[in-house]
PDB file of N, CA and C in Angstrom:
ATOM      1  N   MET A   1     100.240 233.363 120.321  1.00  0.00           N
ATOM      2  CA  MET A   1     100.249 231.904 120.040  1.00  0.00           C
ATOM      3  C   MET A   1     100.956 231.407 121.299  1.00  0.00           C
ATOM      4  N   ARG A   2     100.289 230.338 121.866  1.00  0.00           N
ATOM      5  CA  ARG A   2     100.894 229.742 122.894  1.00  0.00           C
ATOM      6  C   ARG A   2     102.156 228.641 122.399  1.00  0.00           C
ATOM      7  N   GLU A   3     103.057 228.538 123.353  1.00  0.00           N
ATOM      8  CA  GLU A   3     104.180 227.574 123.216  1.00  0.00           C
ATOM      9  C   GLU A   3     103.501 226.106 123.149  1.00  0.00           C
ATOM     10  N   PRO A   4     103.931 225.257 122.433  1.00  0.00           N
ATOM     11  CA  PRO A   4     103.634 223.775 122.545  1.00  0.00           C
ATOM     12  C   PRO A   4     104.047 223.270 123.755  1.00  0.00           C
ATOM     13  N   ALA A   5     103.290 222.345 124.426  1.00  0.00           N
ATOM     14  CA  ALA A   5     103.796 221.458 125.377  1.00  0.00           C
ATOM     15  C   ALA A   5     105.108 220.570 125.112  1.00  0.00           C
ATOM     16  N   MET A   6     105.988 220.811 126.160  1.00  0.00           N
ATOM     17  CA  MET A   6     107.158 219.911 125.797  1.00  0.00           C
ATOM     18  C   MET A   6     106.876 218.545 126.009  1.00  0.00           C
ATOM     19  N   ILE A   7     107.154 217.748 125.113  1.00  0.00           N
ATOM     20  CA  ILE A   7     107.074 216.306 125.008  1.00  0.00           C
ATOM     21  C   ILE A   7     108.096 215.571 125.747  1.00  0.00           C
ATOM     22  N   PRO A   8     107.960 214.784 126.911  1.00  0.00           N
ATOM     23  CA  PRO A   8     109.090 214.145 127.653  1.00  0.00           C
ATOM     24  C   PRO A   8     109.746 213.330 126.651  1.00  0.00           C
ATOM     25  N   ASN A   9     111.044 212.938 126.868  1.00  0.00           N
ATOM     26  CA  ASN A   9     111.851 212.151 125.941  1.00  0.00           C
ATOM     27  C   ASN A   9     111.239 210.677 126.019  1.00  0.00           C
ATOM     28  N   LEU A  10     110.019 210.299 125.930  1.00  0.00           N
ATOM     29  CA  LEU A  10     109.490 209.062 125.865  1.00  0.00           C
ATOM     30  C   LEU A  10     110.130 208.205 124.708  1.00  0.00           C
ATOM     31  N   TRP A  11     110.557 209.025 123.579  1.00  0.00           N
ATOM     32  CA  TRP A  11     111.059 208.242 122.478  1.00  0.00           C
ATOM     33  C   TRP A  11     112.294 207.478 122.933  1.00  0.00           C
ATOM     34  N   GLU A  12     112.900 207.754 124.052  1.00  0.00           N
ATOM     35  CA  GLU A  12     114.055 206.914 124.481  1.00  0.00           C
ATOM     36  C   GLU A  12     113.812 205.535 124.889  1.00  0.00           C
ATOM     37  N   GLU A  13     112.436 205.315 125.090  1.00  0.00           N
ATOM     38  CA  GLU A  13     111.952 203.860 125.295  1.00  0.00           C
ATOM     39  C   GLU A  13     111.712 203.084 124.100  1.00  0.00           C
ATOM     40  N   HIS A  14     111.820 203.810 122.843  1.00  0.00           N
ATOM     41  CA  HIS A  14     111.438 203.161 121.737  1.00  0.00           C
ATOM     42  C   HIS A  14     112.750 203.145 120.654  1.00  0.00           C
ATOM     43  N   ILE A  15     113.611 204.120 120.754  1.00  0.00           N
ATOM     44  CA  ILE A  15     114.620 204.417 119.691  1.00  0.00           C
ATOM     45  C   ILE A  15     115.980 204.218 120.507  1.00  0.00           C
ATOM     46  N   THR A  16     116.774 203.476 119.840  1.00  0.00           N
ATOM     47  CA  THR A  16     118.275 203.312 120.310  1.00  0.00           C
ATOM     48  C   THR A  16     119.218 203.494 119.206  1.00  0.00           C
ATOM     49  N   THR A  17     120.542 203.677 119.721  1.00  0.00           N
ATOM     50  CA  THR A  17     121.554 203.607 118.868  1.00  0.00           C
ATOM     51  C   THR A  17     122.692 202.601 119.240  1.00  0.00           C
ATOM     52  N   ASP A  18     123.192 201.827 118.269  1.00  0.00           N
ATOM     53  CA  ASP A  18     124.124 200.827 118.605  1.00  0.00           C
ATOM     54  C   ASP A  18     125.205 200.831 117.548  1.00  0.00           C
ATOM     55  N   PRO A  19     126.452 201.094 117.723  1.00  0.00           N
ATOM     56  CA  PRO A  19     127.350 201.248 116.689  1.00  0.00           C
ATOM     57  C   PRO A  19     127.503 199.897 115.772  1.00  0.00           C
ATOM     58  N   SER A  20     126.932 198.769 116.297  1.00  0.00           N
ATOM     59  CA  SER A  20     127.036 197.577 115.589  1.00  0.00           C
ATOM     60  C   SER A  20     125.758 197.339 114.645  1.00  0.00           C
ATOM     61  N   VAL A  21     124.771 198.284 114.791  1.00  0.00           N
ATOM     62  CA  VAL A  21     123.413 198.053 114.135  1.00  0.00           C
ATOM     63  C   VAL A  21     123.334 199.372 113.236  1.00  0.00           C
ATOM     64  N   CYS A  22     123.173 199.179 111.962  1.00  0.00           N
ATOM     65  CA  CYS A  22     122.988 200.110 110.905  1.00  0.00           C
ATOM     66  C   CYS A  22     123.836 201.336 111.127  1.00  0.00           C
ATOM     67  N   HIS A  23     125.213 200.962 111.357  1.00  0.00           N
ATOM     68  CA  HIS A  23     126.309 201.785 111.415  1.00  0.00           C
ATOM     69  C   HIS A  23     126.065 202.977 112.411  1.00  0.00           C
ATOM     70  N   GLY A  24     125.342 202.581 113.601  1.00  0.00           N
ATOM     71  CA  GLY A  24     125.015 203.543 114.733  1.00  0.00           C
ATOM     72  C   GLY A  24     123.836 204.435 114.528  1.00  0.00           C
ATOM     73  N   LYS A  25     123.152 204.261 113.343  1.00  0.00           N
ATOM     74  CA  LYS A  25     121.940 205.099 113.145  1.00  0.00           C
ATOM     75  C   LYS A  25     120.862 204.967 114.093  1.00  0.00           C
ATOM     76  N   PRO A  26     120.096 205.921 114.536  1.00  0.00           N
ATOM     77  CA  PRO A  26     119.087 205.503 115.267  1.00  0.00           C
ATOM     78  C   PRO A  26     117.823 204.562 114.699  1.00  0.00           C
ATOM     79  N   CYS A  27     117.593 203.496 115.475  1.00  0.00           N
ATOM     80  CA  CYS A  27     116.711 202.461 115.001  1.00  0.00           C
ATOM     81  C   CYS A  27     115.683 202.284 116.074  1.00  0.00           C
ATOM     82  N   PHE A  28     114.384 201.559 115.766  1.00  0.00           N
ATOM     83  CA  PHE A  28     113.641 201.266 116.689  1.00  0.00           C
ATOM     84  C   PHE A  28     114.064 200.041 117.397  1.00  0.00           C
ATOM     85  N   ARG A  29     113.948 200.094 118.932  1.00  0.00           N
ATOM     86  CA  ARG A  29     114.514 199.072 119.780  1.00  0.00           C
ATOM     87  C   ARG A  29     114.176 197.690 119.149  1.00  0.00           C
ATOM     88  N   ASN A  30     115.166 196.880 119.321  1.00  0.00           N
ATOM     89  CA  ASN A  30     115.039 195.415 118.928  1.00  0.00           C
ATOM     90  C   ASN A  30     114.794 195.154 117.448  1.00  0.00           C
ATOM     91  N   THR A  31     115.122 196.121 116.493  1.00  0.00           N
ATOM     92  CA  THR A  31     114.868 196.230 115.119  1.00  0.00           C
ATOM     93  C   THR A  31     116.094 196.752 114.434  1.00  0.00           C
ATOM     94  N   ARG A  32     116.078 196.545 113.049  1.00  0.00           N
ATOM     95  CA  ARG A  32     117.162 197.310 112.248  1.00  0.00           C
ATOM     96  C   ARG A  32     116.379 198.383 111.241  1.00  0.00           C
ATOM     97  N   ILE A  33     115.098 198.665 111.849  1.00  0.00           N
ATOM     98  CA  ILE A  33     114.523 199.756 111.156  1.00  0.00           C
ATOM     99  C   ILE A  33     114.904 201.152 111.488  1.00  0.00           C
ATOM    100  N   MET A  34     115.476 201.746 110.579  1.00  0.00           N
ATOM    101  CA  MET A  34     115.985 203.223 111.017  1.00  0.00           C
ATOM    102  C   MET A  34     114.908 204.203 111.167  1.00  0.00           C
ATOM    103  N   VAL A  35     114.908 205.043 112.052  1.00  0.00           N
ATOM    104  CA  VAL A  35     114.029 206.056 112.265  1.00  0.00           C
ATOM    105  C   VAL A  35     113.935 207.101 111.116  1.00  0.00           C
ATOM    106  N   SER A  36     114.904 207.212 110.480  1.00  0.00           N
ATOM    107  CA  SER A  36     114.990 208.244 109.345  1.00  0.00           C
ATOM    108  C   SER A  36     113.987 207.684 108.211  1.00  0.00           C
ATOM    109  N   ILE A  37     114.008 206.405 108.069  1.00  0.00           N
ATOM    110  CA  ILE A  37     113.317 205.665 107.141  1.00  0.00           C
ATOM    111  C   ILE A  37     111.656 206.111 107.402  1.00  0.00           C
ATOM    112  N   ILE A  38     111.228 206.060 108.438  1.00  0.00           N
ATOM    113  CA  ILE A  38     109.856 206.092 108.997  1.00  0.00           C
ATOM    114  C   ILE A  38     109.681 207.593 108.791  1.00  0.00           C
ATOM    115  N   LEU A  39     110.436 208.534 109.079  1.00  0.00           N
ATOM    116  CA  LEU A  39     110.325 209.962 109.117  1.00  0.00           C
ATOM    117  C   LEU A  39     110.123 210.262 107.520  1.00  0.00           C
ATOM    118  N   ASP A  40     110.886 209.508 106.776  1.00  0.00           N
ATOM    119  CA  ASP A  40     110.608 209.841 105.352  1.00  0.00           C
ATOM    120  C   ASP A  40     109.396 209.402 104.689  1.00  0.00           C
ATOM    121  N   TYR A  41     108.798 208.410 105.450  1.00  0.00           N
ATOM    122  CA  TYR A  41     107.376 208.135 104.974  1.00  0.00           C
ATOM    123  C   TYR A  41     106.225 208.926 105.460  1.00  0.00           C
ATOM    124  N   LEU A  42     106.552 209.503 106.524  1.00  0.00           N
ATOM    125  CA  LEU A  42     105.767 210.465 107.250  1.00  0.00           C
ATOM    126  C   LEU A  42     105.764 211.670 106.414  1.00  0.00           C
ATOM    127  N   ALA A  43     106.910 212.176 106.109  1.00  0.00           N
ATOM    128  CA  ALA A  43     107.121 213.459 105.370  1.00  0.00           C
ATOM    129  C   ALA A  43     106.491 213.200 103.986  1.00  0.00           C
ATOM    130  N   ALA A  44     106.395 212.097 103.291  1.00  0.00           N
ATOM    131  CA  ALA A  44     105.841 211.688 102.138  1.00  0.00           C
ATOM    132  C   ALA A  44     104.384 211.760 102.059  1.00  0.00           C
ATOM    133  N   GLY A  45     103.668 211.587 103.275  1.00  0.00           N
ATOM    134  CA  GLY A  45     102.196 211.702 103.523  1.00  0.00           C
ATOM    135  C   GLY A  45     101.721 210.494 103.838  1.00  0.00           C
ATOM    136  N   GLU A  46     102.581 209.378 104.056  1.00  0.00           N
ATOM    137  CA  GLU A  46     102.020 208.073 104.461  1.00  0.00           C
ATOM    138  C   GLU A  46     101.334 208.221 105.731  1.00  0.00           C
ATOM    139  N   THR A  47     100.419 207.391 105.823  1.00  0.00           N
ATOM    140  CA  THR A  47      99.612 207.337 107.096  1.00  0.00           C
ATOM    141  C   THR A  47     100.350 206.391 108.060  1.00  0.00           C
ATOM    142  N   VAL A  48     100.032 206.533 109.179  1.00  0.00           N
ATOM    143  CA  VAL A  48     100.582 205.667 110.373  1.00  0.00           C
ATOM    144  C   VAL A  48     100.336 204.123 109.901  1.00  0.00           C
ATOM    145  N   GLU A  49      98.982 204.001 109.666  1.00  0.00           N
ATOM    146  CA  GLU A  49      98.351 202.610 109.455  1.00  0.00           C
ATOM    147  C   GLU A  49      99.337 202.086 108.202  1.00  0.00           C
ATOM    148  N   ALA A  50      99.412 202.821 107.094  1.00  0.00           N
ATOM    149  CA  ALA A  50     100.077 202.374 105.947  1.00  0.00           C
ATOM    150  C   ALA A  50     101.618 202.028 106.352  1.00  0.00           C
ATOM    151  N   ILE A  51     102.048 202.729 107.129  1.00  0.00           N
ATOM    152  CA  ILE A  51     103.519 202.443 107.724  1.00  0.00           C
ATOM    153  C   ILE A  51     103.645 201.028 108.404  1.00  0.00           C
ATOM    154  N   ILE A  52     102.612 201.053 109.323  1.00  0.00           N
ATOM    155  CA  ILE A  52     102.433 199.906 110.198  1.00  0.00           C
ATOM    156  C   ILE A  52     102.339 198.695 109.345  1.00  0.00           C
ATOM    157  N   GLU A  53     101.598 198.745 108.102  1.00  0.00           N
ATOM    158  CA  GLU A  53     101.339 197.605 107.379  1.00  0.00           C
ATOM    159  C   GLU A  53     102.613 197.080 106.598  1.00  0.00           C
ATOM    160  N   GLN A  54     103.483 197.992 106.287  1.00  0.00           N
ATOM    161  CA  GLN A  54     104.743 197.947 105.702  1.00  0.00           C
ATOM    162  C   GLN A  54     105.665 197.313 106.672  1.00  0.00           C
ATOM    163  N   TYR A  55     105.643 197.728 107.943  1.00  0.00           N
ATOM    164  CA  TYR A  55     106.474 197.464 108.907  1.00  0.00           C
ATOM    165  C   TYR A  55     105.788 196.924 110.265  1.00  0.00           C
ATOM    166  N   PRO A  56     105.155 195.556 110.153  1.00  0.00           N
ATOM    167  CA  PRO A  56     104.339 195.282 111.155  1.00  0.00           C
ATOM    168  C   PRO A  56     104.928 195.171 112.572  1.00  0.00           C
ATOM    169  N   SER A  57     106.279 195.193 112.692  1.00  0.00           N
ATOM    170  CA  SER A  57     106.797 195.068 114.054  1.00  0.00           C
ATOM    171  C   SER A  57     106.835 196.299 114.763  1.00  0.00           C
ATOM    172  N   LEU A  58     106.431 197.331 114.070  1.00  0.00           N
ATOM    173  CA  LEU A  58     106.307 198.816 114.688  1.00  0.00           C
ATOM    174  C   LEU A  58     104.860 198.945 115.142  1.00  0.00           C
ATOM    175  N   THR A  59     104.655 199.804 116.119  1.00  0.00           N
ATOM    176  CA  THR A  59     103.447 200.135 116.770  1.00  0.00           C
ATOM    177  C   THR A  59     103.152 201.696 116.395  1.00  0.00           C
ATOM    178  N   PRO A  60     101.851 201.992 116.664  1.00  0.00           N
ATOM    179  CA  PRO A  60     101.558 203.496 116.639  1.00  0.00           C
ATOM    180  C   PRO A  60     102.357 204.281 117.609  1.00  0.00           C
ATOM    181  N   ASP A  61     102.787 203.759 118.716  1.00  0.00           N
ATOM    182  CA  ASP A  61     103.687 204.520 119.790  1.00  0.00           C
ATOM    183  C   ASP A  61     105.192 204.598 119.200  1.00  0.00           C
ATOM    184  N   ASP A  62     105.553 203.623 118.415  1.00  0.00           N
ATOM    185  CA  ASP A  62     106.843 203.669 117.776  1.00  0.00           C
ATOM    186  C   ASP A  62     106.904 204.996 116.822  1.00  0.00           C
ATOM    187  N   ILE A  63     105.736 205.091 116.099  1.00  0.00           N
ATOM    188  CA  ILE A  63     105.731 206.109 115.011  1.00  0.00           C
ATOM    189  C   ILE A  63     105.748 207.475 115.719  1.00  0.00           C
ATOM    190  N   ARG A  64     105.026 207.561 116.869  1.00  0.00           N
ATOM    191  CA  ARG A  64     104.864 208.858 117.532  1.00  0.00           C
ATOM    192  C   ARG A  64     106.314 209.141 118.151  1.00  0.00           C
ATOM    193  N   ALA A  65     106.921 208.089 118.519  1.00  0.00           N
ATOM    194  CA  ALA A  65     108.291 208.202 119.125  1.00  0.00           C
ATOM    195  C   ALA A  65     109.307 208.754 118.137  1.00  0.00           C
ATOM    196  N   ALA A  66     109.101 208.400 116.825  1.00  0.00           N
ATOM    197  CA  ALA A  66     109.882 209.014 115.770  1.00  0.00           C
ATOM    198  C   ALA A  66     109.674 210.412 115.663  1.00  0.00           C
ATOM    199  N   MET A  67     108.485 210.806 115.673  1.00  0.00           N
ATOM    200  CA  MET A  67     108.086 212.305 115.574  1.00  0.00           C
ATOM    201  C   MET A  67     108.628 212.979 116.790  1.00  0.00           C
ATOM    202  N   ALA A  68     108.474 212.392 117.946  1.00  0.00           N
ATOM    203  CA  ALA A  68     108.898 213.178 119.193  1.00  0.00           C
ATOM    204  C   ALA A  68     110.560 213.181 119.110  1.00  0.00           C
ATOM    205  N   TYR A  69     111.334 212.063 118.588  1.00  0.00           N
ATOM    206  CA  TYR A  69     112.611 212.145 118.317  1.00  0.00           C
ATOM    207  C   TYR A  69     112.977 213.345 117.389  1.00  0.00           C
ATOM    208  N   ALA A  70     112.323 213.362 116.338  1.00  0.00           N
ATOM    209  CA  ALA A  70     112.656 214.485 115.364  1.00  0.00           C
ATOM    210  C   ALA A  70     112.492 215.877 116.023  1.00  0.00           C
ATOM    211  N   ALA A  71     111.472 216.008 116.662  1.00  0.00           N
ATOM    212  CA  ALA A  71     111.149 217.275 117.485  1.00  0.00           C
ATOM    213  C   ALA A  71     112.261 217.544 118.458  1.00  0.00           C
ATOM    214  N   TRP A  72     112.757 216.525 119.096  1.00  0.00           N
ATOM    215  CA  TRP A  72     113.834 216.789 120.112  1.00  0.00           C
ATOM    216  C   TRP A  72     115.042 217.104 119.446  1.00  0.00           C
ATOM    217  N   LEU A  73     115.415 216.584 118.233  1.00  0.00           N
ATOM    218  CA  LEU A  73     116.581 216.992 117.485  1.00  0.00           C
ATOM    219  C   LEU A  73     116.385 218.375 117.094  1.00  0.00           C
ATOM    220  N   ALA A  74     115.348 218.717 116.604  1.00  0.00           N
ATOM    221  CA  ALA A  74     115.184 220.118 116.091  1.00  0.00           C
ATOM    222  C   ALA A  74     115.445 221.092 117.324  1.00  0.00           C
ATOM    223  N   HIS A  75     115.020 220.797 118.406  1.00  0.00           N
ATOM    224  CA  HIS A  75     115.334 221.631 119.648  1.00  0.00           C
ATOM    225  C   HIS A  75     116.708 221.603 119.940  1.00  0.00           C
ATOM    226  N   GLN A  76     117.354 220.539 119.752  1.00  0.00           N
ATOM    227  CA  GLN A  76     118.751 220.324 119.978  1.00  0.00           C
ATOM    228  C   GLN A  76     119.610 221.386 118.947  1.00  0.00           C
ATOM    229  N   GLU A  77     119.105 221.241 117.759  1.00  0.00           N
ATOM    230  CA  GLU A  77     119.710 222.163 116.862  1.00  0.00           C
ATOM    231  C   GLU A  77     119.699 223.705 117.001  1.00  0.00           C
ATOM    232  N   GLU A  78     118.592 224.042 117.855  1.00  0.00           N
ATOM    233  CA  GLU A  78     118.392 225.362 118.382  1.00  0.00           C
ATOM    234  C   GLU A  78     119.509 225.715 119.148  1.00  0.00           C
ATOM    235  N   GLU A  79     120.025 224.761 120.090  1.00  0.00           N
ATOM    236  CA  GLU A  79     121.109 225.102 121.054  1.00  0.00           C
ATOM    237  C   GLU A  79     122.545 224.934 120.353  1.00  0.00           C
ATOM    238  N   GLN A  80     122.757 223.997 119.348  1.00  0.00           N
ATOM    239  CA  GLN A  80     123.934 223.981 118.609  1.00  0.00           C
ATOM    240  C   GLN A  80     123.487 223.835 117.056  1.00  0.00           C
ATOM    241  N   PRO A  81     123.387 224.895 116.398  1.00  0.00           N
ATOM    242  CA  PRO A  81     123.141 225.023 115.098  1.00  0.00           C
ATOM    243  C   PRO A  81     124.070 223.966 114.032  1.00  0.00           C
ATOM    244  N   LEU A  82     123.298 223.350 113.325  1.00  0.00           N
ATOM    245  CA  LEU A  82     124.009 222.564 112.282  1.00  0.00           C
ATOM    246  C   LEU A  82     124.234 223.276 110.903  1.00  0.00           C
ATOM    247  N   TYR A  83     125.511 223.140 110.446  1.00  0.00           N
ATOM    248  CA  TYR A  83     125.777 223.770 109.281  1.00  0.00           C
ATOM    249  C   TYR A  83     124.799 223.397 107.959  1.00  0.00           C
ATOM    250  N   THR A  84     124.226 224.460 107.355  1.00  0.00           N
ATOM    251  CA  THR A  84     123.417 223.963 106.367  1.00  0.00           C
ATOM    252  C   THR A  84     123.902 224.460 104.995  1.00  0.00           C
ATOM    253  N   GLY A  85     124.970 225.249 104.962  1.00  0.00           N
ATOM    254  CA  GLY A  85     125.633 225.712 103.848  1.00  0.00           C
ATOM    255  C   GLY A  85     124.867 226.896 103.083  1.00  0.00           C
ATOM    256  N   THR A  86     123.891 227.386 103.683  1.00  0.00           N
ATOM    257  CA  THR A  86     123.190 228.470 103.157  1.00  0.00           C
ATOM    258  C   THR A  86     123.665 229.844 103.326  1.00  0.00           C
ATOM    259  N   GLY A  87     124.833 229.944 104.182  1.00  0.00           N
ATOM    260  CA  GLY A  87     125.454 231.229 104.314  1.00  0.00           C
ATOM    261  C   GLY A  87     124.727 232.258 105.176  1.00  0.00           C
ATOM    262  N   ARG A  88     123.694 231.844 105.794  1.00  0.00           N
ATOM    263  CA  ARG A  88     122.904 232.947 106.585  1.00  0.00           C
ATOM    264  C   ARG A  88     123.266 232.781 108.072  1.00  0.00           C
TER     265      ARG A  88
END
């Protein structure tokens, strides 16, 4: 199985954090839409089109940026594991 191509951090153009916006949670640039909300929709099986219908200020590139951000976080976790409480 071949390794997936590394995606450049293009999500940085779409996602920002600001302590004065949504308690510093990652949000899409110039919005108060938290990335975690969109990732929840994707995990629940919503389509990109349905998400954009619900959040018309977002673009397909924003949705891809959310997925790239989640992938980046997963790679960061490989370097600095998060405590999950599983005892493993």
